[in-house]
Structures are given as C-alpha cells and as structure tokens.
Amino acid sequence: MRAKINGEYIEFVNDVNLLDFIQKDKKLNPKSIVIEYNGKVLKKEEWQNTFIKDGDIIEIVHFVGGG
C-alpha cells in the first residue's frame, strides 16, 4: 500500500492509523500538528480510528512557535 504524505510517496506493509504514524514513525507531538486527510482537516479525536489506505493524500502541518 502506498500513500502520499507531504508530497512524498511512502510504502506501508501493515495497517497503521494516523495517531500511531505521527507518534511512532514521525515522532511528532500531536498537540502541535494538524492533519489534512484527502482534503479534509481531521479532528484529533479522529486520528486513532483513521487508517492510512492505498492512494491517500495526507498533509501534516507542524506549528513552530517563536517570537
């Protein structure tokens, strides 16, 4: 299975939900990102039950603070 994530195609062997992907694979803090899944911004509560499927297009936006 292959999905496009932030413009790059990534191959997946096993099913993975968005929450596990961002925490385990990308090591991102869920509090500082937004996920657009196939053109729709998902609520954080949806991440655990949304599994990455073949052909998905996902954008992960990471907020950076500064001043």
N, C-alpha and C. Protein backbone atom coordinates (compact mmCIF):
# COMPACT_ATOMS: atom_id res chain seq x y z
N MET A 1 0.86 -1.17 0.00
CA MET A 1 0.00 0.00 0.00
C MET A 1 0.90 1.23 0.00
N ARG A 2 0.45 2.28 -0.69
CA ARG A 2 1.27 3.48 -0.82
C ARG A 2 0.39 4.71 -0.65
N ALA A 3 0.87 5.66 0.15
CA ALA A 3 0.16 6.92 0.38
C ALA A 3 1.13 8.08 0.14
N LYS A 4 0.57 9.22 -0.24
CA LYS A 4 1.38 10.42 -0.45
C LYS A 4 1.27 11.28 0.80
N ILE A 5 2.39 11.47 1.47
CA ILE A 5 2.41 12.23 2.72
C ILE A 5 3.37 13.40 2.56
N ASN A 6 2.82 14.61 2.68
CA ASN A 6 3.60 15.84 2.49
C ASN A 6 4.40 15.80 1.19
N GLY A 7 3.74 15.33 0.12
CA GLY A 7 4.35 15.34 -1.20
C GLY A 7 5.25 14.18 -1.51
N GLU A 8 5.46 13.26 -0.56
CA GLU A 8 6.36 12.14 -0.76
C GLU A 8 5.58 10.83 -0.64
N TYR A 9 5.79 9.92 -1.58
CA TYR A 9 5.12 8.62 -1.50
C TYR A 9 5.82 7.73 -0.49
N ILE A 10 5.02 7.14 0.39
CA ILE A 10 5.53 6.26 1.43
C ILE A 10 4.81 4.92 1.31
N GLU A 11 5.59 3.84 1.36
CA GLU A 11 5.05 2.49 1.30
C GLU A 11 4.76 1.99 2.72
N PHE A 12 3.63 1.32 2.86
CA PHE A 12 3.25 0.73 4.14
C PHE A 12 3.01 -0.76 3.94
N VAL A 13 3.54 -1.58 4.84
CA VAL A 13 3.35 -3.02 4.77
C VAL A 13 2.13 -3.41 5.60
N ASN A 14 1.98 -2.78 6.77
CA ASN A 14 0.89 -3.09 7.69
C ASN A 14 -0.07 -1.90 7.79
N ASP A 15 -1.28 -2.20 8.25
CA ASP A 15 -2.23 -1.13 8.52
C ASP A 15 -1.71 -0.27 9.67
N VAL A 16 -1.85 1.03 9.52
CA VAL A 16 -1.42 1.96 10.58
C VAL A 16 -2.43 3.11 10.62
N ASN A 17 -2.78 3.50 11.84
CA ASN A 17 -3.68 4.66 11.96
C ASN A 17 -2.84 5.93 12.02
N LEU A 18 -3.49 7.05 11.83
CA LEU A 18 -2.76 8.33 11.78
C LEU A 18 -2.07 8.65 13.09
N LEU A 19 -2.70 8.35 14.22
CA LEU A 19 -2.10 8.66 15.52
C LEU A 19 -0.80 7.89 15.70
N ASP A 20 -0.81 6.59 15.43
CA ASP A 20 0.42 5.80 15.55
C ASP A 20 1.48 6.27 14.58
N PHE A 21 1.08 6.62 13.36
CA PHE A 21 2.04 7.08 12.37
C PHE A 21 2.76 8.34 12.84
N ILE A 22 2.01 9.32 13.33
CA ILE A 22 2.68 10.56 13.72
C ILE A 22 3.49 10.42 15.00
N GLN A 23 3.02 9.58 15.92
CA GLN A 23 3.74 9.43 17.19
C GLN A 23 4.93 8.49 17.08
N LYS A 24 4.74 7.32 16.46
CA LYS A 24 5.79 6.30 16.43
C LYS A 24 6.73 6.46 15.25
N ASP A 25 6.17 6.68 14.05
CA ASP A 25 7.01 6.76 12.86
C ASP A 25 7.65 8.14 12.70
N LYS A 26 6.87 9.18 12.89
CA LYS A 26 7.38 10.54 12.68
C LYS A 26 7.85 11.21 13.97
N LYS A 27 7.48 10.63 15.11
CA LYS A 27 7.86 11.17 16.43
C LYS A 27 7.44 12.64 16.59
N LEU A 28 6.20 12.94 16.16
CA LEU A 28 5.66 14.29 16.27
C LEU A 28 4.73 14.38 17.48
N ASN A 29 4.66 15.56 18.05
CA ASN A 29 3.76 15.82 19.17
C ASN A 29 2.37 16.14 18.61
N PRO A 30 1.36 15.33 18.93
CA PRO A 30 0.01 15.58 18.42
C PRO A 30 -0.55 16.95 18.77
N LYS A 31 -0.04 17.57 19.82
CA LYS A 31 -0.54 18.87 20.24
C LYS A 31 -0.08 20.00 19.32
N SER A 32 0.93 19.74 18.50
CA SER A 32 1.49 20.83 17.69
C SER A 32 1.32 20.61 16.19
N ILE A 33 0.40 19.72 15.79
CA ILE A 33 0.21 19.49 14.36
C ILE A 33 -1.27 19.48 13.98
N VAL A 34 -1.50 19.62 12.69
CA VAL A 34 -2.82 19.47 12.08
C VAL A 34 -2.65 18.49 10.94
N ILE A 35 -3.64 17.61 10.75
CA ILE A 35 -3.58 16.63 9.67
C ILE A 35 -4.73 16.87 8.69
N GLU A 36 -4.35 17.02 7.43
CA GLU A 36 -5.34 17.07 6.35
C GLU A 36 -5.31 15.71 5.67
N TYR A 37 -6.46 15.05 5.65
CA TYR A 37 -6.57 13.70 5.12
C TYR A 37 -7.49 13.72 3.91
N ASN A 38 -6.92 13.51 2.74
CA ASN A 38 -7.69 13.53 1.49
C ASN A 38 -8.53 14.80 1.36
N GLY A 39 -7.93 15.93 1.70
CA GLY A 39 -8.58 17.23 1.51
C GLY A 39 -9.43 17.70 2.67
N LYS A 40 -9.52 16.91 3.73
CA LYS A 40 -10.34 17.28 4.89
C LYS A 40 -9.47 17.35 6.14
N VAL A 41 -9.57 18.46 6.87
CA VAL A 41 -8.84 18.57 8.13
C VAL A 41 -9.56 17.72 9.17
N LEU A 42 -8.81 16.80 9.78
CA LEU A 42 -9.40 15.90 10.76
C LEU A 42 -9.24 16.42 12.18
N LYS A 43 -10.24 16.16 13.00
CA LYS A 43 -10.13 16.45 14.42
C LYS A 43 -9.20 15.42 15.04
N LYS A 44 -8.50 15.81 16.09
CA LYS A 44 -7.56 14.90 16.74
C LYS A 44 -8.25 13.61 17.21
N GLU A 45 -9.52 13.71 17.56
CA GLU A 45 -10.25 12.53 18.03
C GLU A 45 -10.43 11.49 16.92
N GLU A 46 -10.29 11.90 15.67
CA GLU A 46 -10.48 11.01 14.53
C GLU A 46 -9.20 10.25 14.15
N TRP A 47 -8.06 10.71 14.61
CA TRP A 47 -6.78 10.15 14.17
C TRP A 47 -6.64 8.67 14.50
N GLN A 48 -7.05 8.26 15.68
CA GLN A 48 -6.86 6.87 16.10
C GLN A 48 -7.69 5.91 15.26
N ASN A 49 -8.83 6.34 14.78
CA ASN A 49 -9.72 5.46 14.01
C ASN A 49 -9.62 5.67 12.50
N THR A 50 -8.66 6.49 12.06
CA THR A 50 -8.45 6.72 10.63
C THR A 50 -7.19 5.99 10.21
N PHE A 51 -7.36 4.96 9.39
CA PHE A 51 -6.23 4.16 8.94
C PHE A 51 -5.79 4.62 7.56
N ILE A 52 -4.48 4.67 7.37
CA ILE A 52 -3.91 5.07 6.09
C ILE A 52 -4.18 3.97 5.08
N LYS A 53 -4.74 4.38 3.92
CA LYS A 53 -5.09 3.43 2.87
C LYS A 53 -4.32 3.76 1.59
N ASP A 54 -4.29 2.80 0.71
CA ASP A 54 -3.62 2.98 -0.57
C ASP A 54 -4.22 4.16 -1.33
N GLY A 55 -3.37 5.06 -1.78
CA GLY A 55 -3.82 6.21 -2.55
C GLY A 55 -4.19 7.44 -1.74
N ASP A 56 -4.13 7.34 -0.42
CA ASP A 56 -4.44 8.51 0.41
C ASP A 56 -3.45 9.64 0.17
N ILE A 57 -3.94 10.86 0.33
CA ILE A 57 -3.08 12.05 0.26
C ILE A 57 -3.21 12.75 1.60
N ILE A 58 -2.09 12.85 2.30
CA ILE A 58 -2.08 13.37 3.66
C ILE A 58 -1.07 14.50 3.76
N GLU A 59 -1.50 15.57 4.40
CA GLU A 59 -0.60 16.69 4.68
C GLU A 59 -0.55 16.86 6.19
N ILE A 60 0.66 16.92 6.72
CA ILE A 60 0.85 17.13 8.15
C ILE A 60 1.54 18.48 8.32
N VAL A 61 0.85 19.37 9.02
CA VAL A 61 1.37 20.72 9.25
C VAL A 61 1.81 20.81 10.69
N HIS A 62 3.06 21.20 10.89
CA HIS A 62 3.66 21.29 12.22
C HIS A 62 3.80 22.76 12.59
N PHE A 63 3.26 23.13 13.73
CA PHE A 63 3.34 24.52 14.19
C PHE A 63 4.65 24.75 14.92
N VAL A 64 5.27 25.85 14.62
CA VAL A 64 6.52 26.23 15.26
C VAL A 64 6.32 27.57 15.94
N GLY A 65 6.65 27.61 17.22
CA GLY A 65 6.50 28.87 17.98
C GLY A 65 7.76 29.70 17.86
N GLY A 66 7.63 30.92 18.16
CA GLY A 66 8.79 31.81 18.11
C GLY A 66 8.37 33.22 18.47
N GLY A 67 9.32 34.08 18.46
CA GLY A 67 8.94 35.42 18.83
C GLY A 67 9.98 36.44 18.52
